[in-house]
Amino acid sequence: MKTREQKGRELGQGDMLVQLVRKGLLSVADAASEAGLSSEVFEQQMKSQKS
């Protein structure tokens, strides 16, 4: 079972990866790899997040 702190860190990391991709500083493939996701799943998550 994850603690609130762990969940918060994971959410923050995901948000940061999305922002780096949107700024063109990181590729979707690299961000997805860092997040432990497939590129397709990462892109879906990006689309579901607000800009």
Protein backbone atom coordinates (compact mmCIF):
# COMPACT_ATOMS: atom_id res chain seq x y z
CA MET A 1 0.00 0.00 0.00
CA LYS A 2 1.39 3.37 -1.05
CA THR A 3 1.55 6.24 1.33
CA ARG A 4 0.12 9.64 0.49
CA GLU A 5 3.63 10.97 0.21
CA GLN A 6 4.58 8.34 -2.38
CA LYS A 7 1.45 9.03 -4.40
CA GLY A 8 2.16 12.75 -4.27
CA ARG A 9 5.71 12.28 -5.51
CA GLU A 10 4.52 10.09 -8.38
CA LEU A 11 1.91 12.65 -9.41
CA GLY A 12 4.46 15.44 -9.25
CA GLN A 13 6.95 13.47 -11.33
CA GLY A 14 4.28 12.73 -13.93
CA ASP A 15 3.31 16.39 -14.12
CA MET A 16 6.93 17.41 -14.56
CA LEU A 17 7.47 14.88 -17.35
CA VAL A 18 4.37 16.13 -19.17
CA GLN A 19 5.58 19.74 -18.92
CA LEU A 20 9.04 18.82 -20.23
CA VAL A 21 7.46 17.05 -23.22
CA ARG A 22 5.14 19.99 -23.92
CA LYS A 23 8.11 22.38 -23.84
CA GLY A 24 10.00 20.16 -26.29
CA LEU A 25 12.77 19.38 -23.82
CA LEU A 26 12.02 15.66 -23.58
CA SER A 27 10.62 13.17 -26.06
CA VAL A 28 7.41 11.28 -25.37
CA ALA A 29 9.34 8.01 -25.58
CA ASP A 30 11.90 9.13 -23.00
CA ALA A 31 9.24 10.52 -20.67
CA ALA A 32 7.19 7.34 -20.94
CA SER A 33 10.25 5.23 -20.20
CA GLU A 34 11.06 7.34 -17.13
CA ALA A 35 7.46 6.95 -15.93
CA GLY A 36 7.48 3.20 -16.56
CA LEU A 37 4.69 3.45 -19.14
CA SER A 38 4.29 2.76 -22.83
CA SER A 39 4.41 5.77 -25.12
CA GLU A 40 0.75 5.26 -25.97
CA VAL A 41 -0.36 5.28 -22.32
CA PHE A 42 1.80 8.31 -21.55
CA GLU A 43 0.30 10.22 -24.50
CA GLN A 44 -3.20 9.35 -23.31
CA GLN A 45 -2.37 10.68 -19.87
CA MET A 46 -0.98 13.87 -21.41
CA LYS A 47 -4.21 14.40 -23.34
CA SER A 48 -6.29 13.91 -20.21
CA GLN A 49 -4.31 16.57 -18.29
CA LYS A 50 -5.08 20.25 -18.58
CA SER A 51 -2.54 22.43 -20.37
